Amino acid sequence: MKEFDRDTQIARLIYHRCMAIMKFTLDLEEYSYKDKGRNDSRYKFFKKQLMQNTYDNIRGLLAELEDMGVVNPTDYPEDVKDGYKDTSSGGSGYLNADRFNAWVKREISAGNR
């Protein structure tokens, strides 16, 4: 599988956006427990549930995109639960499939970016 511009790796984009939303949600929730913040047991429960749900849904979406032929698993081990990585996949564990890369390249060449 050929690598393409990191900015066009669909799994990386999806993963990073979902992680940013999760982080924002956790920060907002932590703020709501002014006295104890992240040490509050209610926050800890919320965080655990939100993180597990987010990771499961990202994995499910990426598996669906793999079934559609849009992405393929990386040749190196990565899991969304491990956080951001300085790789083309960004920690998602997936890279664009060659066919999808070809489509992206055609669209960018046509000025459709």
PDB file of N, CA and C in Angstrom:
ATOM      1  N   MET A   1       0.832  -1.162   0.000  1.00  0.00           N
ATOM      2  CA  MET A   1       0.000   0.000   0.000  1.00  0.00           C
ATOM      3  C   MET A   1       0.886   1.237   0.000  1.00  0.00           C
ATOM      4  N   LYS A   2       0.641   2.149  -0.916  1.00  0.00           N
ATOM      5  CA  LYS A   2       1.431   3.369  -0.999  1.00  0.00           C
ATOM      6  C   LYS A   2       0.883   4.404  -0.032  1.00  0.00           C
ATOM      7  N   GLU A   3       1.794   5.108   0.610  1.00  0.00           N
ATOM      8  CA  GLU A   3       1.350   6.171   1.496  1.00  0.00           C
ATOM      9  C   GLU A   3       1.028   7.402   0.674  1.00  0.00           C
ATOM     10  N   PHE A   4       0.126   8.179   1.144  1.00  0.00           N
ATOM     11  CA  PHE A   4      -0.272   9.416   0.503  1.00  0.00           C
ATOM     12  C   PHE A   4      -0.213  10.488   1.568  1.00  0.00           C
ATOM     13  N   ASP A   5      -0.421  11.703   1.203  1.00  0.00           N
ATOM     14  CA  ASP A   5      -0.394  12.831   2.112  1.00  0.00           C
ATOM     15  C   ASP A   5      -1.156  12.522   3.405  1.00  0.00           C
ATOM     16  N   ARG A   6      -0.534  12.773   4.541  1.00  0.00           N
ATOM     17  CA  ARG A   6      -1.179  12.521   5.838  1.00  0.00           C
ATOM     18  C   ARG A   6      -2.529  13.229   5.947  1.00  0.00           C
ATOM     19  N   ASP A   7      -2.625  14.399   5.331  1.00  0.00           N
ATOM     20  CA  ASP A   7      -3.867  15.176   5.425  1.00  0.00           C
ATOM     21  C   ASP A   7      -5.034  14.511   4.714  1.00  0.00           C
ATOM     22  N   THR A   8      -4.775  13.515   3.877  1.00  0.00           N
ATOM     23  CA  THR A   8      -5.861  12.855   3.152  1.00  0.00           C
ATOM     24  C   THR A   8      -6.120  11.439   3.661  1.00  0.00           C
ATOM     25  N   GLN A   9      -5.496  11.053   4.754  1.00  0.00           N
ATOM     26  CA  GLN A   9      -5.743   9.734   5.341  1.00  0.00           C
ATOM     27  C   GLN A   9      -7.073   9.794   6.087  1.00  0.00           C
ATOM     28  N   ILE A  10      -8.103   9.193   5.518  1.00  0.00           N
ATOM     29  CA  ILE A  10      -9.463   9.307   6.053  1.00  0.00           C
ATOM     30  C   ILE A  10      -9.573   8.751   7.470  1.00  0.00           C
ATOM     31  N   ALA A  11      -8.909   7.638   7.759  1.00  0.00           N
ATOM     32  CA  ALA A  11      -8.976   7.066   9.107  1.00  0.00           C
ATOM     33  C   ALA A  11      -8.328   8.006  10.117  1.00  0.00           C
ATOM     34  N   ARG A  12      -7.224   8.613   9.729  1.00  0.00           N
ATOM     35  CA  ARG A  12      -6.535   9.579  10.604  1.00  0.00           C
ATOM     36  C   ARG A  12      -7.452  10.762  10.897  1.00  0.00           C
ATOM     37  N   LEU A  13      -8.104  11.295   9.869  1.00  0.00           N
ATOM     38  CA  LEU A  13      -9.000  12.440  10.043  1.00  0.00           C
ATOM     39  C   LEU A  13     -10.163  12.105  10.976  1.00  0.00           C
ATOM     40  N   ILE A  14     -10.782  10.963  10.740  1.00  0.00           N
ATOM     41  CA  ILE A  14     -11.913  10.536  11.574  1.00  0.00           C
ATOM     42  C   ILE A  14     -11.459  10.324  13.016  1.00  0.00           C
ATOM     43  N   TYR A  15     -10.371   9.610  13.173  1.00  0.00           N
ATOM     44  CA  TYR A  15      -9.862   9.285  14.505  1.00  0.00           C
ATOM     45  C   TYR A  15      -9.516  10.553  15.292  1.00  0.00           C
ATOM     46  N   HIS A  16      -8.783  11.446  14.671  1.00  0.00           N
ATOM     47  CA  HIS A  16      -8.374  12.661  15.376  1.00  0.00           C
ATOM     48  C   HIS A  16      -9.575  13.541  15.719  1.00  0.00           C
ATOM     49  N   ARG A  17     -10.562  13.609  14.830  1.00  0.00           N
ATOM     50  CA  ARG A  17     -11.759  14.405  15.127  1.00  0.00           C
ATOM     51  C   ARG A  17     -12.525  13.794  16.298  1.00  0.00           C
ATOM     52  N   CYS A  18     -12.687  12.491  16.289  1.00  0.00           N
ATOM     53  CA  CYS A  18     -13.399  11.822  17.393  1.00  0.00           C
ATOM     54  C   CYS A  18     -12.662  11.993  18.714  1.00  0.00           C
ATOM     55  N   MET A  19     -11.354  11.912  18.677  1.00  0.00           N
ATOM     56  CA  MET A  19     -10.569  12.082  19.898  1.00  0.00           C
ATOM     57  C   MET A  19     -10.684  13.519  20.420  1.00  0.00           C
ATOM     58  N   ALA A  20     -10.687  14.495  19.526  1.00  0.00           N
ATOM     59  CA  ALA A  20     -10.827  15.895  19.932  1.00  0.00           C
ATOM     60  C   ALA A  20     -12.197  16.128  20.576  1.00  0.00           C
ATOM     61  N   ILE A  21     -13.235  15.539  20.003  1.00  0.00           N
ATOM     62  CA  ILE A  21     -14.580  15.661  20.575  1.00  0.00           C
ATOM     63  C   ILE A  21     -14.623  15.010  21.951  1.00  0.00           C
ATOM     64  N   MET A  22     -14.012  13.832  22.065  1.00  0.00           N
ATOM     65  CA  MET A  22     -13.998  13.144  23.349  1.00  0.00           C
ATOM     66  C   MET A  22     -13.259  13.979  24.396  1.00  0.00           C
ATOM     67  N   LYS A  23     -12.120  14.529  24.040  1.00  0.00           N
ATOM     68  CA  LYS A  23     -11.343  15.335  24.985  1.00  0.00           C
ATOM     69  C   LYS A  23     -12.128  16.564  25.419  1.00  0.00           C
ATOM     70  N   PHE A  24     -12.768  17.241  24.471  1.00  0.00           N
ATOM     71  CA  PHE A  24     -13.571  18.416  24.806  1.00  0.00           C
ATOM     72  C   PHE A  24     -14.699  18.034  25.767  1.00  0.00           C
ATOM     73  N   THR A  25     -15.358  16.914  25.486  1.00  0.00           N
ATOM     74  CA  THR A  25     -16.453  16.453  26.338  1.00  0.00           C
ATOM     75  C   THR A  25     -15.949  16.133  27.740  1.00  0.00           C
ATOM     76  N   LEU A  26     -14.796  15.482  27.826  1.00  0.00           N
ATOM     77  CA  LEU A  26     -14.229  15.169  29.150  1.00  0.00           C
ATOM     78  C   LEU A  26     -13.851  16.439  29.908  1.00  0.00           C
ATOM     79  N   ASP A  27     -13.279  17.417  29.218  1.00  0.00           N
ATOM     80  CA  ASP A  27     -12.918  18.679  29.867  1.00  0.00           C
ATOM     81  C   ASP A  27     -14.161  19.394  30.391  1.00  0.00           C
ATOM     82  N   LEU A  28     -15.221  19.387  29.598  1.00  0.00           N
ATOM     83  CA  LEU A  28     -16.472  20.012  30.000  1.00  0.00           C
ATOM     84  C   LEU A  28     -17.065  19.309  31.217  1.00  0.00           C
ATOM     85  N   GLU A  29     -17.046  17.988  31.179  1.00  0.00           N
ATOM     86  CA  GLU A  29     -17.587  17.212  32.297  1.00  0.00           C
ATOM     87  C   GLU A  29     -16.751  17.424  33.556  1.00  0.00           C
ATOM     88  N   GLU A  30     -15.447  17.451  33.415  1.00  0.00           N
ATOM     89  CA  GLU A  30     -14.577  17.676  34.576  1.00  0.00           C
ATOM     90  C   GLU A  30     -14.883  19.027  35.217  1.00  0.00           C
ATOM     91  N   TYR A  31     -15.111  20.022  34.394  1.00  0.00           N
ATOM     92  CA  TYR A  31     -15.412  21.362  34.898  1.00  0.00           C
ATOM     93  C   TYR A  31     -16.702  21.369  35.715  1.00  0.00           C
ATOM     94  N   SER A  32     -17.634  20.503  35.366  1.00  0.00           N
ATOM     95  CA  SER A  32     -18.909  20.486  36.078  1.00  0.00           C
ATOM     96  C   SER A  32     -18.762  19.975  37.520  1.00  0.00           C
ATOM     97  N   TYR A  33     -17.657  19.329  37.831  1.00  0.00           N
ATOM     98  CA  TYR A  33     -17.386  18.869  39.202  1.00  0.00           C
ATOM     99  C   TYR A  33     -16.333  19.791  39.813  1.00  0.00           C
ATOM    100  N   LYS A  34     -16.724  21.008  40.077  1.00  0.00           N
ATOM    101  CA  LYS A  34     -15.787  22.056  40.489  1.00  0.00           C
ATOM    102  C   LYS A  34     -14.959  21.694  41.714  1.00  0.00           C
ATOM    103  N   ASP A  35     -15.582  21.046  42.685  1.00  0.00           N
ATOM    104  CA  ASP A  35     -14.866  20.766  43.931  1.00  0.00           C
ATOM    105  C   ASP A  35     -13.773  19.711  43.764  1.00  0.00           C
ATOM    106  N   LYS A  36     -14.131  18.597  43.140  1.00  0.00           N
ATOM    107  CA  LYS A  36     -13.185  17.484  43.036  1.00  0.00           C
ATOM    108  C   LYS A  36     -12.622  17.298  41.629  1.00  0.00           C
ATOM    109  N   GLY A  37     -13.324  17.796  40.612  1.00  0.00           N
ATOM    110  CA  GLY A  37     -12.858  17.657  39.242  1.00  0.00           C
ATOM    111  C   GLY A  37     -12.667  16.209  38.852  1.00  0.00           C
ATOM    112  N   ARG A  38     -11.509  15.898  38.308  1.00  0.00           N
ATOM    113  CA  ARG A  38     -11.257  14.533  37.823  1.00  0.00           C
ATOM    114  C   ARG A  38     -11.134  13.502  38.940  1.00  0.00           C
ATOM    115  N   ASN A  39     -11.074  13.940  40.174  1.00  0.00           N
ATOM    116  CA  ASN A  39     -11.013  13.003  41.299  1.00  0.00           C
ATOM    117  C   ASN A  39     -12.388  12.560  41.775  1.00  0.00           C
ATOM    118  N   ASP A  40     -13.433  13.177  41.254  1.00  0.00           N
ATOM    119  CA  ASP A  40     -14.800  12.812  41.626  1.00  0.00           C
ATOM    120  C   ASP A  40     -15.138  11.449  41.031  1.00  0.00           C
ATOM    121  N   SER A  41     -15.712  10.573  41.823  1.00  0.00           N
ATOM    122  CA  SER A  41     -16.028   9.221  41.345  1.00  0.00           C
ATOM    123  C   SER A  41     -17.037   9.243  40.196  1.00  0.00           C
ATOM    124  N   ARG A  42     -17.942  10.227  40.194  1.00  0.00           N
ATOM    125  CA  ARG A  42     -18.897  10.338  39.086  1.00  0.00           C
ATOM    126  C   ARG A  42     -18.187  10.683  37.787  1.00  0.00           C
ATOM    127  N   TYR A  43     -17.188  11.549  37.875  1.00  0.00           N
ATOM    128  CA  TYR A  43     -16.405  11.901  36.684  1.00  0.00           C
ATOM    129  C   TYR A  43     -15.632  10.685  36.179  1.00  0.00           C
ATOM    130  N   LYS A  44     -15.025   9.956  37.091  1.00  0.00           N
ATOM    131  CA  LYS A  44     -14.256   8.771  36.698  1.00  0.00           C
ATOM    132  C   LYS A  44     -15.146   7.759  35.977  1.00  0.00           C
ATOM    133  N   PHE A  45     -16.354   7.570  36.469  1.00  0.00           N
ATOM    134  CA  PHE A  45     -17.292   6.655  35.815  1.00  0.00           C
ATOM    135  C   PHE A  45     -17.664   7.185  34.429  1.00  0.00           C
ATOM    136  N   PHE A  46     -17.992   8.462  34.349  1.00  0.00           N
ATOM    137  CA  PHE A  46     -18.345   9.081  33.070  1.00  0.00           C
ATOM    138  C   PHE A  46     -17.206   8.928  32.067  1.00  0.00           C
ATOM    139  N   LYS A  47     -15.989   9.224  32.509  1.00  0.00           N
ATOM    140  CA  LYS A  47     -14.817   9.144  31.636  1.00  0.00           C
ATOM    141  C   LYS A  47     -14.626   7.729  31.099  1.00  0.00           C
ATOM    142  N   LYS A  48     -14.716   6.749  31.991  1.00  0.00           N
ATOM    143  CA  LYS A  48     -14.530   5.357  31.575  1.00  0.00           C
ATOM    144  C   LYS A  48     -15.562   4.966  30.526  1.00  0.00           C
ATOM    145  N   GLN A  49     -16.813   5.325  30.753  1.00  0.00           N
ATOM    146  CA  GLN A  49     -17.886   4.976  29.825  1.00  0.00           C
ATOM    147  C   GLN A  49     -17.726   5.695  28.483  1.00  0.00           C
ATOM    148  N   LEU A  50     -17.428   6.986  28.541  1.00  0.00           N
ATOM    149  CA  LEU A  50     -17.264   7.768  27.305  1.00  0.00           C
ATOM    150  C   LEU A  50     -16.097   7.244  26.477  1.00  0.00           C
ATOM    151  N   MET A  51     -14.980   6.977  27.121  1.00  0.00           N
ATOM    152  CA  MET A  51     -13.808   6.503  26.394  1.00  0.00           C
ATOM    153  C   MET A  51     -14.067   5.144  25.750  1.00  0.00           C
ATOM    154  N   GLN A  52     -14.653   4.213  26.491  1.00  0.00           N
ATOM    155  CA  GLN A  52     -14.920   2.887  25.939  1.00  0.00           C
ATOM    156  C   GLN A  52     -15.902   2.966  24.776  1.00  0.00           C
ATOM    157  N   ASN A  53     -16.950   3.760  24.936  1.00  0.00           N
ATOM    158  CA  ASN A  53     -17.945   3.916  23.872  1.00  0.00           C
ATOM    159  C   ASN A  53     -17.328   4.548  22.635  1.00  0.00           C
ATOM    160  N   THR A  54     -16.498   5.553  22.837  1.00  0.00           N
ATOM    161  CA  THR A  54     -15.840   6.231  21.716  1.00  0.00           C
ATOM    162  C   THR A  54     -14.908   5.268  20.983  1.00  0.00           C
ATOM    163  N   TYR A  55     -14.069   4.565  21.714  1.00  0.00           N
ATOM    164  CA  TYR A  55     -13.136   3.622  21.084  1.00  0.00           C
ATOM    165  C   TYR A  55     -13.884   2.527  20.322  1.00  0.00           C
ATOM    166  N   ASP A  56     -14.919   1.979  20.937  1.00  0.00           N
ATOM    167  CA  ASP A  56     -15.693   0.926  20.271  1.00  0.00           C
ATOM    168  C   ASP A  56     -16.332   1.429  18.986  1.00  0.00           C
ATOM    169  N   ASN A  57     -16.868   2.650  19.019  1.00  0.00           N
ATOM    170  CA  ASN A  57     -17.512   3.198  17.826  1.00  0.00           C
ATOM    171  C   ASN A  57     -16.511   3.552  16.731  1.00  0.00           C
ATOM    172  N   ILE A  58     -15.340   4.038  17.107  1.00  0.00           N
ATOM    173  CA  ILE A  58     -14.300   4.317  16.105  1.00  0.00           C
ATOM    174  C   ILE A  58     -13.865   3.007  15.456  1.00  0.00           C
ATOM    175  N   ARG A  59     -13.609   1.992  16.269  1.00  0.00           N
ATOM    176  CA  ARG A  59     -13.217   0.685  15.714  1.00  0.00           C
ATOM    177  C   ARG A  59     -14.289   0.153  14.766  1.00  0.00           C
ATOM    178  N   GLY A  60     -15.547   0.273  15.168  1.00  0.00           N
ATOM    179  CA  GLY A  60     -16.644  -0.206  14.327  1.00  0.00           C
ATOM    180  C   GLY A  60     -16.724   0.542  13.010  1.00  0.00           C
ATOM    181  N   LEU A  61     -16.600   1.849  13.054  1.00  0.00           N
ATOM    182  CA  LEU A  61     -16.638   2.652  11.829  1.00  0.00           C
ATOM    183  C   LEU A  61     -15.476   2.306  10.909  1.00  0.00           C
ATOM    184  N   LEU A  62     -14.283   2.188  11.476  1.00  0.00           N
ATOM    185  CA  LEU A  62     -13.122   1.862  10.643  1.00  0.00           C
ATOM    186  C   LEU A  62     -13.243   0.458  10.049  1.00  0.00           C
ATOM    187  N   ALA A  63     -13.812  -0.471  10.787  1.00  0.00           N
ATOM    188  CA  ALA A  63     -14.044  -1.819  10.251  1.00  0.00           C
ATOM    189  C   ALA A  63     -15.041  -1.776   9.090  1.00  0.00           C
ATOM    190  N   GLU A  64     -16.073  -0.935   9.208  1.00  0.00           N
ATOM    191  CA  GLU A  64     -17.029  -0.775   8.108  1.00  0.00           C
ATOM    192  C   GLU A  64     -16.354  -0.173   6.884  1.00  0.00           C
ATOM    193  N   LEU A  65     -15.498   0.825   7.100  1.00  0.00           N
ATOM    194  CA  LEU A  65     -14.766   1.424   5.975  1.00  0.00           C
ATOM    195  C   LEU A  65     -13.817   0.413   5.343  1.00  0.00           C
ATOM    196  N   GLU A  66     -13.255  -0.473   6.156  1.00  0.00           N
ATOM    197  CA  GLU A  66     -12.409  -1.532   5.614  1.00  0.00           C
ATOM    198  C   GLU A  66     -13.249  -2.476   4.755  1.00  0.00           C
ATOM    199  N   ASP A  67     -14.427  -2.844   5.227  1.00  0.00           N
ATOM    200  CA  ASP A  67     -15.316  -3.713   4.454  1.00  0.00           C
ATOM    201  C   ASP A  67     -15.705  -3.080   3.121  1.00  0.00           C
ATOM    202  N   MET A  68     -15.805  -1.755   3.080  1.00  0.00           N
ATOM    203  CA  MET A  68     -16.150  -1.036   1.850  1.00  0.00           C
ATOM    204  C   MET A  68     -14.953  -0.856   0.916  1.00  0.00           C
ATOM    205  N   GLY A  69     -13.758  -1.199   1.407  1.00  0.00           N
ATOM    206  CA  GLY A  69     -12.564  -1.051   0.584  1.00  0.00           C
ATOM    207  C   GLY A  69     -11.963   0.342   0.606  1.00  0.00           C
ATOM    208  N   VAL A  70     -12.333   1.151   1.607  1.00  0.00           N
ATOM    209  CA  VAL A  70     -11.822   2.515   1.703  1.00  0.00           C
ATOM    210  C   VAL A  70     -10.488   2.557   2.448  1.00  0.00           C
ATOM    211  N   VAL A  71     -10.354   1.733   3.485  1.00  0.00           N
ATOM    212  CA  VAL A  71      -9.119   1.694   4.273  1.00  0.00           C
ATOM    213  C   VAL A  71      -8.661   0.256   4.451  1.00  0.00           C
ATOM    214  N   ASN A  72      -7.389   0.117   4.805  1.00  0.00           N
ATOM    215  CA  ASN A  72      -6.792  -1.180   5.127  1.00  0.00           C
ATOM    216  C   ASN A  72      -6.022  -1.044   6.426  1.00  0.00           C
ATOM    217  N   PRO A  73      -5.925  -2.119   7.202  1.00  0.00           N
ATOM    218  CA  PRO A  73      -5.135  -2.052   8.441  1.00  0.00           C
ATOM    219  C   PRO A  73      -3.665  -1.743   8.130  1.00  0.00           C
ATOM    220  N   THR A  74      -3.017  -1.081   9.058  1.00  0.00           N
ATOM    221  CA  THR A  74      -1.596  -0.783   8.892  1.00  0.00           C
ATOM    222  C   THR A  74      -0.780  -2.068   9.007  1.00  0.00           C
ATOM    223  N   ASP A  75       0.452  -2.009   8.540  1.00  0.00           N
ATOM    224  CA  ASP A  75       1.369  -3.146   8.658  1.00  0.00           C
ATOM    225  C   ASP A  75       2.013  -3.194  10.048  1.00  0.00           C
ATOM    226  N   TYR A  76       1.750  -2.202  10.853  1.00  0.00           N
ATOM    227  CA  TYR A  76       2.313  -2.124  12.199  1.00  0.00           C
ATOM    228  C   TYR A  76       1.159  -2.090  13.197  1.00  0.00           C
ATOM    229  N   PRO A  77       1.375  -2.618  14.396  1.00  0.00           N
ATOM    230  CA  PRO A  77       0.283  -2.694  15.374  1.00  0.00           C
ATOM    231  C   PRO A  77      -0.077  -1.315  15.941  1.00  0.00           C
ATOM    232  N   GLU A  78      -1.345  -0.983  15.857  1.00  0.00           N
ATOM    233  CA  GLU A  78      -1.864   0.248  16.452  1.00  0.00           C
ATOM    234  C   GLU A  78      -3.300  -0.018  16.894  1.00  0.00           C
ATOM    235  N   ASP A  79      -3.687   0.615  17.964  1.00  0.00           N
ATOM    236  CA  ASP A  79      -5.074   0.534  18.411  1.00  0.00           C
ATOM    237  C   ASP A  79      -5.506   1.929  18.834  1.00  0.00           C
ATOM    238  N   VAL A  80      -6.750   2.280  18.554  1.00  0.00           N
ATOM    239  CA  VAL A  80      -7.240   3.616  18.868  1.00  0.00           C
ATOM    240  C   VAL A  80      -7.106   3.946  20.355  1.00  0.00           C
ATOM    241  N   LYS A  81      -7.136   2.952  21.182  1.00  0.00           N
ATOM    242  CA  LYS A  81      -7.036   3.161  22.626  1.00  0.00           C
ATOM    243  C   LYS A  81      -5.646   3.652  23.052  1.00  0.00           C
ATOM    244  N   ASP A  82      -4.662   3.460  22.179  1.00  0.00           N
ATOM    245  CA  ASP A  82      -3.290   3.855  22.508  1.00  0.00           C
ATOM    246  C   ASP A  82      -3.016   5.338  22.276  1.00  0.00           C
ATOM    247  N   GLY A  83      -3.976   6.072  21.715  1.00  0.00           N
ATOM    248  CA  GLY A  83      -3.827   7.515  21.529  1.00  0.00           C
ATOM    249  C   GLY A  83      -3.155   7.900  20.230  1.00  0.00           C
ATOM    250  N   TYR A  84      -2.938   9.195  20.097  1.00  0.00           N
ATOM    251  CA  TYR A  84      -2.329   9.766  18.893  1.00  0.00           C
ATOM    252  C   TYR A  84      -0.931   9.201  18.677  1.00  0.00           C
ATOM    253  N   LYS A  85      -0.587   8.992  17.416  1.00  0.00           N
ATOM    254  CA  LYS A  85       0.761   8.530  17.054  1.00  0.00           C
ATOM    255  C   LYS A  85       1.273   9.399  15.914  1.00  0.00           C
ATOM    256  N   ASP A  86       2.573   9.555  15.850  1.00  0.00           N
ATOM    257  CA  ASP A  86       3.175  10.320  14.762  1.00  0.00           C
ATOM    258  C   ASP A  86       3.440   9.383  13.578  1.00  0.00           C
ATOM    259  N   THR A  87       2.368   8.829  13.063  1.00  0.00           N
ATOM    260  CA  THR A  87       2.428   7.936  11.909  1.00  0.00           C
ATOM    261  C   THR A  87       1.421   8.449  10.881  1.00  0.00           C
ATOM    262  N   SER A  88       1.472   7.918   9.688  1.00  0.00           N
ATOM    263  CA  SER A  88       0.512   8.334   8.666  1.00  0.00           C
ATOM    264  C   SER A  88      -0.919   8.032   9.083  1.00  0.00           C
ATOM    265  N   SER A  89      -1.100   6.964   9.838  1.00  0.00           N
ATOM    266  CA  SER A  89      -2.443   6.598  10.293  1.00  0.00           C
ATOM    267  C   SER A  89      -2.856   7.387  11.533  1.00  0.00           C
ATOM    268  N   GLY A  90      -1.920   8.041  12.169  1.00  0.00           N
ATOM    269  CA  GLY A  90      -2.209   8.885  13.315  1.00  0.00           C
ATOM    270  C   GLY A  90      -2.621   8.158  14.569  1.00  0.00           C
ATOM    271  N   GLY A  91      -2.479   6.832  14.581  1.00  0.00           N
ATOM    272  CA  GLY A  91      -2.885   6.046  15.729  1.00  0.00           C
ATOM    273  C   GLY A  91      -4.172   5.279  15.489  1.00  0.00           C
ATOM    274  N   SER A  92      -4.778   5.476  14.319  1.00  0.00           N
ATOM    275  CA  SER A  92      -6.048   4.818  14.023  1.00  0.00           C
ATOM    276  C   SER A  92      -5.892   3.338  13.703  1.00  0.00           C
ATOM    277  N   GLY A  93      -4.718   2.966  13.209  1.00  0.00           N
ATOM    278  CA  GLY A  93      -4.486   1.576  12.823  1.00  0.00           C
ATOM    279  C   GLY A  93      -4.878   1.276  11.390  1.00  0.00           C
ATOM    280  N   TYR A  94      -5.262   2.314  10.633  1.00  0.00           N
ATOM    281  CA  TYR A  94      -5.685   2.129   9.241  1.00  0.00           C
ATOM    282  C   TYR A  94      -5.084   3.199   8.340  1.00  0.00           C
ATOM    283  N   LEU A  95      -4.865   2.808   7.085  1.00  0.00           N
ATOM    284  CA  LEU A  95      -4.436   3.732   6.026  1.00  0.00           C
ATOM    285  C   LEU A  95      -5.396   3.602   4.848  1.00  0.00           C
ATOM    286  N   ASN A  96      -5.438   4.628   4.044  1.00  0.00           N
ATOM    287  CA  ASN A  96      -6.280   4.578   2.850  1.00  0.00           C
ATOM    288  C   ASN A  96      -5.934   3.372   1.993  1.00  0.00           C
ATOM    289  N   ALA A  97      -6.948   2.759   1.418  1.00  0.00           N
ATOM    290  CA  ALA A  97      -6.736   1.688   0.438  1.00  0.00           C
ATOM    291  C   ALA A  97      -6.239   2.337  -0.854  1.00  0.00           C
ATOM    292  N   ASP A  98      -5.524   1.587  -1.657  1.00  0.00           N
ATOM    293  CA  ASP A  98      -4.973   2.120  -2.906  1.00  0.00           C
ATOM    294  C   ASP A  98      -6.057   2.720  -3.791  1.00  0.00           C
ATOM    295  N   ARG A  99      -7.189   2.049  -3.870  1.00  0.00           N
ATOM    296  CA  ARG A  99      -8.289   2.535  -4.717  1.00  0.00           C
ATOM    297  C   ARG A  99      -8.805   3.887  -4.215  1.00  0.00           C
ATOM    298  N   PHE A 100      -8.936   4.016  -2.919  1.00  0.00           N
ATOM    299  CA  PHE A 100      -9.398   5.288  -2.348  1.00  0.00           C
ATOM    300  C   PHE A 100      -8.351   6.376  -2.552  1.00  0.00           C
ATOM    301  N   ASN A 101      -7.070   6.034  -2.374  1.00  0.00           N
ATOM    302  CA  ASN A 101      -5.992   6.998  -2.627  1.00  0.00           C
ATOM    303  C   ASN A 101      -6.035   7.501  -4.064  1.00  0.00           C
ATOM    304  N   ALA A 102      -6.294   6.599  -5.004  1.00  0.00           N
ATOM    305  CA  ALA A 102      -6.367   6.992  -6.420  1.00  0.00           C
ATOM    306  C   ALA A 102      -7.506   7.983  -6.628  1.00  0.00           C
ATOM    307  N   TRP A 103      -8.643   7.721  -5.998  1.00  0.00           N
ATOM    308  CA  TRP A 103      -9.780   8.630  -6.122  1.00  0.00           C
ATOM    309  C   TRP A 103      -9.436   9.998  -5.533  1.00  0.00           C
ATOM    310  N   VAL A 104      -8.817  10.016  -4.334  1.00  0.00           N
ATOM    311  CA  VAL A 104      -8.431  11.274  -3.691  1.00  0.00           C
ATOM    312  C   VAL A 104      -7.469  12.040  -4.597  1.00  0.00           C
ATOM    313  N   LYS A 105      -6.495  11.343  -5.154  1.00  0.00           N
ATOM    314  CA  LYS A 105      -5.507  11.980  -6.028  1.00  0.00           C
ATOM    315  C   LYS A 105      -6.182  12.601  -7.250  1.00  0.00           C
ATOM    316  N   ARG A 106      -7.132  11.874  -7.846  1.00  0.00           N
ATOM    317  CA  ARG A 106      -7.869  12.416  -9.012  1.00  0.00           C
ATOM    318  C   ARG A 106      -8.649  13.668  -8.624  1.00  0.00           C
ATOM    319  N   GLU A 107      -9.306  13.608  -7.477  1.00  0.00           N
ATOM    320  CA  GLU A 107     -10.118  14.751  -7.039  1.00  0.00           C
ATOM    321  C   GLU A 107      -9.237  15.978  -6.751  1.00  0.00           C
ATOM    322  N   ILE A 108      -8.105  15.765  -6.110  1.00  0.00           N
ATOM    323  CA  ILE A 108      -7.203  16.885  -5.818  1.00  0.00           C
ATOM    324  C   ILE A 108      -6.634  17.443  -7.119  1.00  0.00           C
ATOM    325  N   SER A 109      -6.247  16.548  -8.041  1.00  0.00           N
ATOM    326  CA  SER A 109      -5.722  16.992  -9.331  1.00  0.00           C
ATOM    327  C   SER A 109      -6.745  17.821 -10.118  1.00  0.00           C
ATOM    328  N   ALA A 110      -8.015  17.474  -9.925  1.00  0.00           N
ATOM    329  CA  ALA A 110      -9.100  18.194 -10.617  1.00  0.00           C
ATOM    330  C   ALA A 110      -9.467  19.493  -9.903  1.00  0.00           C
ATOM    331  N   GLY A 111      -8.775  19.779  -8.806  1.00  0.00           N
ATOM    332  CA  GLY A 111      -9.034  21.012  -8.070  1.00  0.00           C
ATOM    333  C   GLY A 111     -10.214  20.921  -7.103  1.00  0.00           C
ATOM    334  N   ASN A 112     -10.598  19.710  -6.772  1.00  0.00           N
ATOM    335  CA  ASN A 112     -11.746  19.494  -5.886  1.00  0.00           C
ATOM    336  C   ASN A 112     -11.326  19.246  -4.448  1.00  0.00           C
ATOM    337  N   ARG A 113     -10.519  20.105  -3.919  1.00  0.00           N
ATOM    338  CA  ARG A 113     -10.100  19.916  -2.531  1.00  0.00           C
ATOM    339  C   ARG A 113     -10.693  20.944  -1.630  1.00  0.00           C
TER     340      ARG A 113
END
